[in-house]
Amino acid sequence: MQASSVIARSCGDDAARAVRFLRALWSASVRIVAVVACLASVACATKPLAPFSTDTPPLVLVPASQAGVQDKRARFREIYCAVLEAHGSALADHRPCEDALTRVGTEPAGSGAPVDLGQSRRHLIAVVVAGVGYDCFKPWLNSPGTVVTHLRQFGYDAIMLDVDGLSSSANNARQIRDAILAMPLSSDASRLVLIGYSKGAPDILEAVVDYPEIRSRVAAVVSAAGAIGGSPLANDAEQFQADMLRYFPGATCTSGDGGAVQSLRPATRQAWMAHNPLPPDVRYYSLATYPQPERISSILKSSYEKLARIDARNDSQMIFYDQIVPGSTLMGYVNADHWALAVPIARSHAMIGSLFVTQNEYPREALTEAALRFIEEDLATSGK
């Protein structure tokens, strides 16, 4: 108590919260010290992240256009830039448009068409499914909910759909199905935009494949830094390591069915994609993270470097091409690391942000608004 009170007087209440957070982790260390040691050895391991195996469907890495992906980055950039310019620095973590997105290869030229920044006609609802362990640290994160508040000004809405953070994609797909069918929606229009962040993306894809009864309610599916092709980092991890998150301060999550890590392995995701064609009556969009190396937070540098043994074009958790849904519309590449895209740690924990999550600032409110405006325009153009 003495240490925390001294720091609070000198650095403010956030520092005291950081001390309490670290103290809580220390008090749990007796129970997880063996797991921590194992994690440390994994971080330094030199075995291949993509081990030799013949248990794989035939694969090929081709340009996105040859995988049926429509490149609409130019139009998304026009919409996102218009949103950023309209709101300026009024929103948190503002960035110039050129710094918010990464130009990859030859990006098509924009159309120059005007951008409608008025009220939504379709009143789309963003339904976000988060990644591994989110329900474990959600109470600590204490997200301010500014994205929802911002979207409602323009006739949109957003909700977080709760799933088991440590369970398999198959388990979470059923939970997604149950939650969607329980929503009191009118039957005259599909309004839900299912946004899968990280592992949330394959959870959603399994839901739309396995449960056709939800498709009439779904306007679109978005992979946001989604683990579509899995992450090679999962090859070097075990479920008991993910279960460490159950000891996070304030966590009430359970182990679920224990299938989260297995669901993230590239072999699992590639086999699932090979055997489960995506239903054509749903529109798919991809928003990938492709940060400049200096945009990787210090705490994520080690995983970035580890994944860079395969490809340096990664966000610390995912390689950029593993985030794209085959046959989807490519909206853009975001200049943010994996956490910065969707987990606003620095906003509610400034001390931790300044010390560890050093590149966490990103204009998420503007990005989400731009994504919904782009999808609404694209659906109208295609007659959906």
Protein backbone atom coordinates (compact mmCIF):
# COMPACT_ATOMS: atom_id res chain seq x y z
CA MET A 1 0.00 0.00 0.00
CA GLN A 2 2.82 2.38 0.82
CA ALA A 3 4.41 1.98 -2.59
CA SER A 4 1.16 2.51 -4.46
CA SER A 5 0.24 5.59 -2.43
CA VAL A 6 3.63 7.20 -3.08
CA ILE A 7 3.35 6.55 -6.81
CA ALA A 8 -0.21 7.83 -6.83
CA ARG A 9 0.89 11.11 -5.33
CA SER A 10 3.72 11.51 -7.83
CA CYS A 11 2.24 10.07 -11.00
CA GLY A 12 -1.53 10.03 -10.50
CA ASP A 13 -4.24 7.44 -10.04
CA ASP A 14 -3.43 5.58 -13.26
CA ALA A 15 0.01 4.71 -11.93
CA ALA A 16 -1.58 3.32 -8.77
CA ARG A 17 -3.88 1.18 -10.89
CA ALA A 18 -0.85 -0.08 -12.80
CA VAL A 19 0.84 -1.03 -9.52
CA ARG A 20 -2.28 -2.87 -8.35
CA PHE A 21 -2.46 -4.64 -11.70
CA LEU A 22 1.16 -5.80 -11.45
CA ARG A 23 0.67 -6.80 -7.80
CA ALA A 24 -2.34 -8.91 -8.76
CA LEU A 25 -0.30 -10.66 -11.41
CA TRP A 26 2.45 -11.30 -8.87
CA SER A 27 0.01 -12.81 -6.36
CA ALA A 28 -1.08 -15.30 -9.01
CA SER A 29 2.49 -16.18 -9.96
CA VAL A 30 2.72 -19.09 -7.53
CA ARG A 31 0.03 -20.87 -9.50
CA ILE A 32 1.29 -20.03 -12.99
CA VAL A 33 5.07 -19.84 -12.62
CA ALA A 34 5.53 -23.08 -14.54
CA VAL A 35 3.38 -21.78 -17.36
CA VAL A 36 5.32 -18.51 -17.46
CA ALA A 37 8.58 -20.45 -17.73
CA CYS A 38 7.14 -22.47 -20.56
CA LEU A 39 6.00 -19.31 -22.35
CA ALA A 40 9.47 -17.86 -22.03
CA SER A 41 11.02 -20.95 -23.58
CA VAL A 42 8.49 -20.86 -26.40
CA ALA A 43 9.35 -17.22 -27.12
CA CYS A 44 12.99 -18.19 -27.59
CA ALA A 45 12.35 -21.40 -29.48
CA THR A 46 14.08 -21.89 -32.81
CA LYS A 47 11.92 -24.67 -34.23
CA PRO A 48 10.06 -23.82 -37.44
CA LEU A 49 6.81 -21.90 -36.99
CA ALA A 50 5.46 -23.78 -40.00
CA PRO A 51 6.67 -27.34 -39.33
CA PHE A 52 6.96 -29.99 -42.01
CA SER A 53 3.70 -31.83 -42.56
CA THR A 54 1.90 -33.69 -45.32
CA ASP A 55 -1.46 -33.27 -43.56
CA THR A 56 -2.57 -30.28 -45.61
CA PRO A 57 -4.88 -29.51 -48.50
CA PRO A 58 -3.13 -28.39 -51.70
CA LEU A 59 -2.26 -24.69 -51.28
CA VAL A 60 -1.07 -21.85 -53.48
CA LEU A 61 -0.18 -18.25 -52.67
CA VAL A 62 -1.52 -16.06 -55.50
CA PRO A 63 -2.39 -12.38 -56.00
CA ALA A 64 -5.69 -11.55 -54.34
CA SER A 65 -7.40 -10.95 -57.69
CA GLN A 66 -6.76 -14.59 -58.62
CA ALA A 67 -8.52 -15.69 -55.43
CA GLY A 68 -11.69 -13.88 -56.42
CA VAL A 69 -10.95 -10.84 -54.23
CA GLN A 70 -12.28 -7.49 -55.49
CA ASP A 71 -9.85 -4.65 -54.80
CA LYS A 72 -11.90 -1.64 -53.66
CA ARG A 73 -9.21 0.00 -51.55
CA ALA A 74 -9.42 3.23 -53.51
CA ARG A 75 -13.07 3.84 -52.70
CA PHE A 76 -12.61 2.85 -49.07
CA ARG A 77 -9.69 5.28 -48.82
CA GLU A 78 -11.88 8.07 -50.22
CA ILE A 79 -14.58 7.37 -47.64
CA TYR A 80 -12.17 6.98 -44.74
CA CYS A 81 -10.30 10.16 -45.66
CA ALA A 82 -13.60 12.06 -45.87
CA VAL A 83 -14.63 10.81 -42.44
CA LEU A 84 -11.27 11.72 -40.90
CA GLU A 85 -11.33 15.16 -42.50
CA ALA A 86 -14.90 15.81 -41.38
CA HIS A 87 -14.23 14.96 -37.77
CA GLY A 88 -10.68 16.24 -37.62
CA SER A 89 -9.10 16.11 -34.18
CA ALA A 90 -12.49 16.00 -32.44
CA LEU A 91 -12.12 12.23 -32.10
CA ALA A 92 -9.48 10.51 -30.00
CA ASP A 93 -6.22 9.34 -31.56
CA HIS A 94 -6.73 11.30 -34.77
CA ARG A 95 -4.31 10.60 -37.62
CA PRO A 96 -3.96 12.04 -41.11
CA CYS A 97 -5.50 9.69 -43.65
CA GLU A 98 -2.17 8.93 -45.31
CA ASP A 99 -0.85 7.66 -41.97
CA ALA A 100 -3.99 5.71 -41.09
CA LEU A 101 -3.78 3.34 -44.08
CA THR A 102 -0.81 1.58 -45.66
CA ARG A 103 -0.41 1.68 -49.43
CA VAL A 104 0.47 -1.81 -50.62
CA GLY A 105 1.59 -2.42 -54.18
CA THR A 106 -0.22 -0.40 -56.81
CA GLU A 107 -3.43 0.84 -55.26
CA PRO A 108 -6.14 1.73 -57.80
CA ALA A 109 -7.02 5.38 -58.33
CA GLY A 110 -10.08 6.75 -56.60
CA SER A 111 -13.32 7.46 -58.41
CA GLY A 112 -13.69 11.02 -57.17
CA ALA A 113 -17.36 10.35 -56.41
CA PRO A 114 -18.79 12.37 -53.51
CA VAL A 115 -18.94 10.73 -50.07
CA ASP A 116 -22.28 10.80 -48.26
CA LEU A 117 -21.61 11.67 -44.61
CA GLY A 118 -25.27 12.02 -43.69
CA GLN A 119 -27.57 9.70 -41.81
CA SER A 120 -27.57 6.00 -42.63
CA ARG A 121 -30.51 4.88 -44.73
CA ARG A 122 -30.12 1.20 -43.91
CA HIS A 123 -29.28 1.62 -40.21
CA LEU A 124 -26.65 -1.08 -40.21
CA ILE A 125 -25.66 -2.66 -36.90
CA ALA A 126 -22.05 -3.68 -36.38
CA VAL A 127 -21.94 -6.94 -34.41
CA VAL A 128 -18.39 -7.44 -33.21
CA VAL A 129 -16.96 -10.83 -32.24
CA ALA A 130 -13.60 -10.46 -30.51
CA GLY A 131 -10.58 -12.74 -30.36
CA VAL A 132 -8.92 -15.14 -27.95
CA GLY A 133 -9.41 -14.40 -24.28
CA TYR A 134 -11.33 -11.16 -24.68
CA ASP A 135 -13.89 -12.15 -22.05
CA CYS A 136 -11.00 -12.74 -19.64
CA PHE A 137 -9.61 -9.20 -19.73
CA LYS A 138 -12.76 -7.29 -20.72
CA PRO A 139 -13.51 -6.16 -17.13
CA TRP A 140 -9.96 -4.84 -16.71
CA LEU A 141 -9.95 -3.15 -20.11
CA ASN A 142 -13.10 -1.22 -19.18
CA SER A 143 -13.55 0.06 -22.73
CA PRO A 144 -15.29 3.47 -22.76
CA GLY A 145 -17.75 2.53 -25.52
CA THR A 146 -16.94 5.59 -27.63
CA VAL A 147 -17.32 3.70 -30.92
CA VAL A 148 -20.97 2.94 -30.19
CA THR A 149 -21.68 6.51 -29.08
CA HIS A 150 -20.07 7.87 -32.23
CA LEU A 151 -21.91 5.56 -34.63
CA ARG A 152 -25.32 6.31 -33.17
CA GLN A 153 -24.97 9.95 -34.23
CA PHE A 154 -25.27 8.79 -37.84
CA GLY A 155 -28.01 6.18 -37.57
CA TYR A 156 -25.72 3.18 -37.15
CA ASP A 157 -25.30 1.03 -34.08
CA ALA A 158 -22.85 -1.49 -32.68
CA ILE A 159 -22.87 -4.28 -30.12
CA MET A 160 -20.31 -6.71 -28.78
CA LEU A 161 -21.44 -10.32 -29.15
CA ASP A 162 -20.06 -12.38 -26.26
CA VAL A 163 -18.46 -15.75 -27.02
CA ASP A 164 -16.17 -18.05 -25.04
CA GLY A 165 -12.71 -16.54 -25.37
CA LEU A 166 -10.92 -19.85 -24.83
CA SER A 167 -13.22 -22.13 -26.84
CA SER A 168 -13.07 -23.46 -30.39
CA SER A 169 -14.54 -21.74 -33.42
CA ALA A 170 -17.16 -24.48 -33.69
CA ASN A 171 -18.33 -23.81 -30.13
CA ASN A 172 -18.43 -20.06 -30.68
CA ALA A 173 -20.24 -20.40 -34.00
CA ARG A 174 -23.16 -21.96 -32.13
CA GLN A 175 -23.12 -19.09 -29.62
CA ILE A 176 -23.15 -16.58 -32.48
CA ARG A 177 -26.09 -18.36 -34.05
CA ASP A 178 -28.08 -18.36 -30.80
CA ALA A 179 -27.35 -14.68 -30.13
CA ILE A 180 -28.36 -13.56 -33.63
CA LEU A 181 -31.64 -15.47 -33.59
CA ALA A 182 -32.44 -13.95 -30.19
CA MET A 183 -32.07 -10.38 -31.49
CA PRO A 184 -35.39 -8.51 -31.88
CA LEU A 185 -34.91 -7.45 -35.50
CA SER A 186 -37.51 -6.61 -38.12
CA SER A 187 -37.80 -9.21 -40.86
CA ASP A 188 -37.87 -6.78 -43.79
CA ALA A 189 -34.14 -6.17 -44.18
CA SER A 190 -30.78 -7.64 -43.29
CA ARG A 191 -29.00 -5.10 -41.12
CA LEU A 192 -26.29 -6.98 -39.24
CA VAL A 193 -22.67 -6.48 -40.23
CA LEU A 194 -20.75 -9.25 -38.48
CA ILE A 195 -17.23 -7.99 -37.77
CA GLY A 196 -14.79 -10.68 -36.71
CA TYR A 197 -11.64 -9.42 -35.04
CA SER A 198 -8.74 -11.90 -34.95
CA LYS A 199 -10.18 -15.34 -34.04
CA GLY A 200 -13.65 -13.80 -34.13
CA ALA A 201 -13.48 -13.92 -37.94
CA PRO A 202 -13.28 -17.72 -38.30
CA ASP A 203 -15.88 -18.02 -35.53
CA ILE A 204 -18.24 -15.98 -37.70
CA LEU A 205 -17.40 -17.87 -40.90
CA GLU A 206 -18.20 -21.17 -39.22
CA ALA A 207 -21.50 -19.70 -38.02
CA VAL A 208 -22.67 -18.58 -41.48
CA VAL A 209 -21.66 -21.94 -42.98
CA ASP A 210 -23.14 -24.19 -40.28
CA TYR A 211 -26.31 -22.23 -39.49
CA PRO A 212 -28.07 -21.03 -42.67
CA GLU A 213 -31.01 -19.79 -40.58
CA ILE A 214 -29.02 -16.65 -39.60
CA ARG A 215 -28.09 -15.55 -43.13
CA SER A 216 -31.26 -13.61 -43.84
CA ARG A 217 -30.37 -11.28 -40.98
CA VAL A 218 -26.78 -10.73 -42.10
CA ALA A 219 -25.97 -7.90 -44.50
CA ALA A 220 -22.23 -8.56 -44.55
CA VAL A 221 -19.32 -10.29 -42.86
CA VAL A 222 -16.05 -8.42 -42.23
CA SER A 223 -12.67 -9.89 -41.39
CA ALA A 224 -10.86 -7.25 -39.29
CA ALA A 225 -7.32 -8.56 -38.84
CA GLY A 226 -9.09 -11.90 -38.97
CA ALA A 227 -7.34 -15.23 -38.52
CA ILE A 228 -8.73 -16.53 -41.81
CA GLY A 229 -5.65 -18.59 -42.64
CA GLY A 230 -4.64 -19.04 -39.00
CA SER A 231 -1.47 -17.80 -37.37
CA PRO A 232 1.85 -19.66 -37.42
CA LEU A 233 2.34 -18.47 -33.83
CA ALA A 234 -0.38 -20.93 -32.82
CA ASN A 235 1.82 -23.81 -34.01
CA ASP A 236 4.22 -22.91 -31.22
CA ALA A 237 1.58 -22.61 -28.50
CA GLU A 238 -0.59 -24.90 -26.39
CA GLN A 239 -4.04 -24.39 -24.92
CA PHE A 240 -2.77 -24.38 -21.33
CA GLN A 241 -0.80 -21.25 -22.19
CA ALA A 242 -3.95 -19.49 -23.37
CA ASP A 243 -5.61 -20.62 -20.15
CA MET A 244 -3.22 -18.30 -18.29
CA LEU A 245 -5.71 -15.58 -19.15
CA ARG A 246 -8.11 -17.08 -16.59
CA TYR A 247 -5.77 -15.69 -13.92
CA PHE A 248 -5.92 -12.17 -15.30
CA PRO A 249 -7.01 -9.69 -12.58
CA GLY A 250 -10.81 -9.66 -12.42
CA ALA A 251 -11.22 -12.43 -14.99
CA THR A 252 -14.34 -14.60 -14.75
CA CYS A 253 -13.81 -16.54 -17.98
CA THR A 254 -13.66 -20.33 -18.16
CA SER A 255 -11.64 -22.76 -20.26
CA GLY A 256 -14.71 -23.49 -22.36
CA ASP A 257 -14.13 -26.47 -24.60
CA GLY A 258 -10.39 -25.74 -24.66
CA GLY A 259 -10.19 -25.45 -28.44
CA ALA A 260 -9.08 -21.85 -29.04
CA VAL A 261 -5.43 -22.50 -29.92
CA GLN A 262 -6.23 -25.48 -32.13
CA SER A 263 -8.75 -23.34 -34.02
CA LEU A 264 -6.02 -20.78 -34.77
CA ARG A 265 -3.46 -23.18 -36.24
CA PRO A 266 -2.95 -22.72 -39.99
CA ALA A 267 -3.53 -26.41 -40.72
CA THR A 268 -6.91 -26.24 -38.96
CA ARG A 269 -8.04 -23.10 -40.74
CA GLN A 270 -6.79 -24.21 -44.16
CA ALA A 271 -8.48 -27.59 -43.86
CA TRP A 272 -11.72 -25.95 -42.77
CA MET A 273 -11.65 -23.52 -45.71
CA ALA A 274 -10.92 -26.37 -48.12
CA HIS A 275 -13.97 -28.34 -46.99
CA ASN A 276 -16.44 -25.53 -46.30
CA PRO A 277 -17.26 -23.27 -49.26
CA LEU A 278 -18.65 -19.96 -48.07
CA PRO A 279 -22.33 -19.41 -48.88
CA PRO A 280 -22.71 -16.98 -51.81
CA ASP A 281 -25.79 -15.27 -50.35
CA VAL A 282 -23.59 -13.39 -47.84
CA ARG A 283 -21.25 -10.53 -48.79
CA TYR A 284 -17.69 -10.72 -47.42
CA TYR A 285 -15.24 -7.91 -46.78
CA SER A 286 -11.62 -7.86 -45.58
CA LEU A 287 -9.85 -5.14 -43.60
CA ALA A 288 -6.29 -6.23 -42.94
CA THR A 289 -3.59 -4.83 -40.66
CA TYR A 290 -0.30 -4.01 -42.38
CA PRO A 291 1.63 -1.74 -39.99
CA GLN A 292 4.87 0.01 -40.66
CA PRO A 293 7.45 -1.66 -38.35
CA GLU A 294 7.66 1.46 -36.18
CA ARG A 295 3.92 1.11 -35.49
CA ILE A 296 4.41 -2.12 -33.52
CA SER A 297 4.02 -1.63 -29.75
CA SER A 298 7.09 -2.47 -27.68
CA ILE A 299 5.35 -5.33 -25.89
CA LEU A 300 4.53 -6.92 -29.26
CA LYS A 301 8.01 -6.60 -30.78
CA SER A 302 9.08 -10.12 -29.80
CA SER A 303 6.06 -11.79 -31.45
CA TYR A 304 6.49 -9.53 -34.48
CA GLU A 305 10.12 -10.61 -34.86
CA LYS A 306 9.19 -14.22 -34.32
CA LEU A 307 6.55 -14.12 -37.03
CA ALA A 308 8.97 -12.17 -39.24
CA ARG A 309 10.95 -15.40 -39.56
CA ILE A 310 8.21 -16.28 -42.05
CA ASP A 311 7.21 -12.81 -43.26
CA ALA A 312 8.00 -9.35 -41.85
CA ARG A 313 4.71 -8.07 -43.25
CA ASN A 314 2.82 -8.94 -40.09
CA ASP A 315 0.96 -7.10 -37.32
CA SER A 316 2.66 -9.09 -34.49
CA GLN A 317 0.04 -11.87 -34.62
CA MET A 318 -1.04 -12.30 -38.23
CA ILE A 319 0.67 -12.17 -41.63
CA PHE A 320 -1.18 -9.76 -43.91
CA TYR A 321 -2.27 -12.30 -46.53
CA ASP A 322 -3.72 -14.68 -43.91
CA GLN A 323 -6.34 -12.06 -43.01
CA ILE A 324 -8.14 -12.00 -46.37
CA VAL A 325 -11.35 -13.92 -46.99
CA PRO A 326 -11.24 -15.62 -50.42
CA GLY A 327 -13.85 -14.09 -52.70
CA SER A 328 -14.25 -11.03 -50.48
CA THR A 329 -14.01 -7.31 -51.18
CA LEU A 330 -10.70 -5.89 -49.99
CA MET A 331 -11.33 -2.58 -48.22
CA GLY A 332 -7.83 -1.66 -47.15
CA TYR A 333 -4.67 -2.21 -45.15
CA VAL A 334 -4.61 -0.49 -41.78
CA ASN A 335 -1.38 1.01 -40.46
CA ALA A 336 -1.81 -0.44 -36.96
CA ASP A 337 -0.58 -3.45 -35.05
CA HIS A 338 -2.91 -6.26 -34.02
CA TRP A 339 -3.93 -4.75 -30.69
CA ALA A 340 -4.16 -1.15 -31.88
CA LEU A 341 -6.87 -2.05 -34.38
CA ALA A 342 -9.46 -3.05 -31.80
CA VAL A 343 -8.19 -3.09 -28.20
CA PRO A 344 -7.98 0.46 -26.73
CA ILE A 345 -5.65 -0.33 -23.84
CA ALA A 346 -3.87 3.03 -23.78
CA ARG A 347 -7.11 4.99 -23.45
CA SER A 348 -8.11 3.46 -20.11
CA HIS A 349 -4.62 2.53 -18.85
CA ALA A 350 -2.34 5.38 -19.83
CA MET A 351 0.64 4.26 -17.74
CA ILE A 352 0.64 0.78 -19.27
CA GLY A 353 0.19 2.38 -22.66
CA SER A 354 3.20 4.63 -22.24
CA LEU A 355 5.43 1.81 -20.98
CA PHE A 356 4.35 -1.27 -22.93
CA VAL A 357 1.52 -0.71 -25.44
CA THR A 358 3.37 2.17 -27.01
CA GLN A 359 1.63 2.24 -30.42
CA ASN A 360 -1.95 1.65 -29.30
CA GLU A 361 -3.46 4.93 -30.48
CA TYR A 362 -5.69 4.60 -33.53
CA PRO A 363 -8.88 6.44 -34.68
CA ARG A 364 -11.17 3.41 -34.28
CA GLU A 365 -14.37 5.47 -34.24
CA ALA A 366 -13.61 6.96 -37.64
CA LEU A 367 -12.47 3.60 -39.03
CA THR A 368 -15.68 1.85 -37.97
CA GLU A 369 -17.85 4.64 -39.36
CA ALA A 370 -15.96 4.50 -42.65
CA ALA A 371 -16.32 0.72 -42.86
CA LEU A 372 -20.09 0.86 -42.34
CA ARG A 373 -20.48 3.73 -44.84
CA PHE A 374 -18.42 1.82 -47.40
CA ILE A 375 -20.45 -1.37 -46.93
CA GLU A 376 -23.76 0.48 -47.08
CA GLU A 377 -22.74 2.15 -50.36
CA ASP A 378 -21.34 -1.09 -51.79
CA LEU A 379 -24.50 -3.05 -50.96
CA ALA A 380 -26.68 -0.37 -52.54
CA THR A 381 -24.53 -0.32 -55.67
CA SER A 382 -24.77 -4.09 -56.05
CA GLY A 383 -28.52 -4.11 -55.41
CA LYS A 384 -28.29 -6.07 -52.17
